[in-house]
Amino acid sequence: MFGYSEEQIAAFGLSFGVGAFMLYMVFIILQLARESKAGRFGTFILLLGLGFGLVGFAAKGVIKLFLAGVGS
């Protein structure tokens, strides 16, 4: 499609699409904290609990890049 291979489109979607989705999820968590009047500590707990999976996904990408660089 438009001169790009399926692999290139998938790589673009994984890097930018998932990144944009993760930022949107942070926005949703912050909206939830604001609407529930959670305060600073409550917002921290929401970000910690609900954002933990996002951090794990981002760490997986960083670890993959680090290990790919070490082997080369």
C-alpha atoms as a PDB file:
ATOM      1  CA  MET A   1       0.000   0.000   0.000  1.00  0.00           C
ATOM      2  CA  PHE A   2       1.469   3.348  -1.130  1.00  0.00           C
ATOM      3  CA  GLY A   3       4.804   1.634  -1.816  1.00  0.00           C
ATOM      4  CA  TYR A   4       5.292   0.317   1.725  1.00  0.00           C
ATOM      5  CA  SER A   5       5.582  -3.322   2.668  1.00  0.00           C
ATOM      6  CA  GLU A   6       3.433  -4.959   5.311  1.00  0.00           C
ATOM      7  CA  GLU A   7       6.458  -5.177   7.597  1.00  0.00           C
ATOM      8  CA  GLN A   8       7.115  -1.427   7.344  1.00  0.00           C
ATOM      9  CA  ILE A   9       3.491  -0.579   8.100  1.00  0.00           C
ATOM     10  CA  ALA A  10       3.456  -2.944  11.080  1.00  0.00           C
ATOM     11  CA  ALA A  11       6.692  -1.459  12.457  1.00  0.00           C
ATOM     12  CA  PHE A  12       5.292   2.058  12.099  1.00  0.00           C
ATOM     13  CA  GLY A  13       2.042   1.074  13.787  1.00  0.00           C
ATOM     14  CA  LEU A  14       3.849  -0.630  16.618  1.00  0.00           C
ATOM     15  CA  SER A  15       6.179   2.276  17.306  1.00  0.00           C
ATOM     16  CA  PHE A  16       3.976   5.329  16.757  1.00  0.00           C
ATOM     17  CA  GLY A  17       0.481   3.871  17.015  1.00  0.00           C
ATOM     18  CA  VAL A  18       1.062   2.093  20.302  1.00  0.00           C
ATOM     19  CA  GLY A  19       3.002   5.086  21.626  1.00  0.00           C
ATOM     20  CA  ALA A  20       0.081   7.397  20.843  1.00  0.00           C
ATOM     21  CA  PHE A  21      -2.325   4.914  22.436  1.00  0.00           C
ATOM     22  CA  MET A  22      -0.160   4.845  25.584  1.00  0.00           C
ATOM     23  CA  LEU A  23      -0.209   8.651  25.822  1.00  0.00           C
ATOM     24  CA  TYR A  24      -3.974   8.580  25.409  1.00  0.00           C
ATOM     25  CA  MET A  25      -4.252   6.056  28.243  1.00  0.00           C
ATOM     26  CA  VAL A  26      -2.217   8.365  30.513  1.00  0.00           C
ATOM     27  CA  PHE A  27      -4.660  11.149  29.617  1.00  0.00           C
ATOM     28  CA  ILE A  28      -7.576   8.876  30.556  1.00  0.00           C
ATOM     29  CA  ILE A  29      -5.951   8.013  33.905  1.00  0.00           C
ATOM     30  CA  LEU A  30      -5.383  11.699  34.681  1.00  0.00           C
ATOM     31  CA  GLN A  31      -8.998  12.506  33.722  1.00  0.00           C
ATOM     32  CA  LEU A  32     -10.172   9.750  36.045  1.00  0.00           C
ATOM     33  CA  ALA A  33      -8.083  11.176  38.881  1.00  0.00           C
ATOM     34  CA  ARG A  34      -9.383  14.687  38.270  1.00  0.00           C
ATOM     35  CA  GLU A  35     -13.041  13.693  38.058  1.00  0.00           C
ATOM     36  CA  SER A  36     -12.825  11.577  41.207  1.00  0.00           C
ATOM     37  CA  LYS A  37     -10.986  14.372  43.090  1.00  0.00           C
ATOM     38  CA  ALA A  38      -8.256  11.917  44.037  1.00  0.00           C
ATOM     39  CA  GLY A  39      -5.690  14.495  45.171  1.00  0.00           C
ATOM     40  CA  ARG A  40      -1.943  14.153  44.713  1.00  0.00           C
ATOM     41  CA  PHE A  41      -1.504  10.846  46.498  1.00  0.00           C
ATOM     42  CA  GLY A  42      -4.565   9.316  44.846  1.00  0.00           C
ATOM     43  CA  THR A  43      -3.371  10.445  41.431  1.00  0.00           C
ATOM     44  CA  PHE A  44       0.020   8.911  42.146  1.00  0.00           C
ATOM     45  CA  ILE A  45      -1.597   5.611  43.129  1.00  0.00           C
ATOM     46  CA  LEU A  46      -3.773   5.621  39.993  1.00  0.00           C
ATOM     47  CA  LEU A  47      -0.778   6.318  37.773  1.00  0.00           C
ATOM     48  CA  LEU A  48       1.260   3.682  39.585  1.00  0.00           C
ATOM     49  CA  GLY A  49      -1.399   0.988  39.448  1.00  0.00           C
ATOM     50  CA  LEU A  50      -2.921   1.634  36.051  1.00  0.00           C
ATOM     51  CA  GLY A  51       0.241   2.862  34.355  1.00  0.00           C
ATOM     52  CA  PHE A  52       2.408  -0.048  35.482  1.00  0.00           C
ATOM     53  CA  GLY A  53       1.594  -2.054  32.361  1.00  0.00           C
ATOM     54  CA  LEU A  54       2.535   0.889  30.159  1.00  0.00           C
ATOM     55  CA  VAL A  55       5.912   1.137  31.846  1.00  0.00           C
ATOM     56  CA  GLY A  56       6.475  -2.590  31.377  1.00  0.00           C
ATOM     57  CA  PHE A  57       5.678  -2.370  27.670  1.00  0.00           C
ATOM     58  CA  ALA A  58       8.045   0.579  27.196  1.00  0.00           C
ATOM     59  CA  ALA A  59      10.774  -1.186  29.208  1.00  0.00           C
ATOM     60  CA  LYS A  60      10.436  -4.242  26.962  1.00  0.00           C
ATOM     61  CA  GLY A  61      11.273  -2.118  23.922  1.00  0.00           C
ATOM     62  CA  VAL A  62      14.259  -0.508  25.624  1.00  0.00           C
ATOM     63  CA  ILE A  63      15.578  -3.892  26.779  1.00  0.00           C
ATOM     64  CA  LYS A  64      15.225  -5.297  23.255  1.00  0.00           C
ATOM     65  CA  LEU A  65      17.208  -2.371  21.814  1.00  0.00           C
ATOM     66  CA  PHE A  66      19.874  -2.741  24.489  1.00  0.00           C
ATOM     67  CA  LEU A  67      20.290  -6.472  23.921  1.00  0.00           C
ATOM     68  CA  ALA A  68      20.367  -6.024  20.138  1.00  0.00           C
ATOM     69  CA  GLY A  69      23.153  -3.451  20.531  1.00  0.00           C
ATOM     70  CA  VAL A  70      25.214  -5.661  22.870  1.00  0.00           C
ATOM     71  CA  GLY A  71      25.224  -8.650  20.517  1.00  0.00           C
ATOM     72  CA  SER A  72      26.365  -6.633  17.488  1.00  0.00           C
END
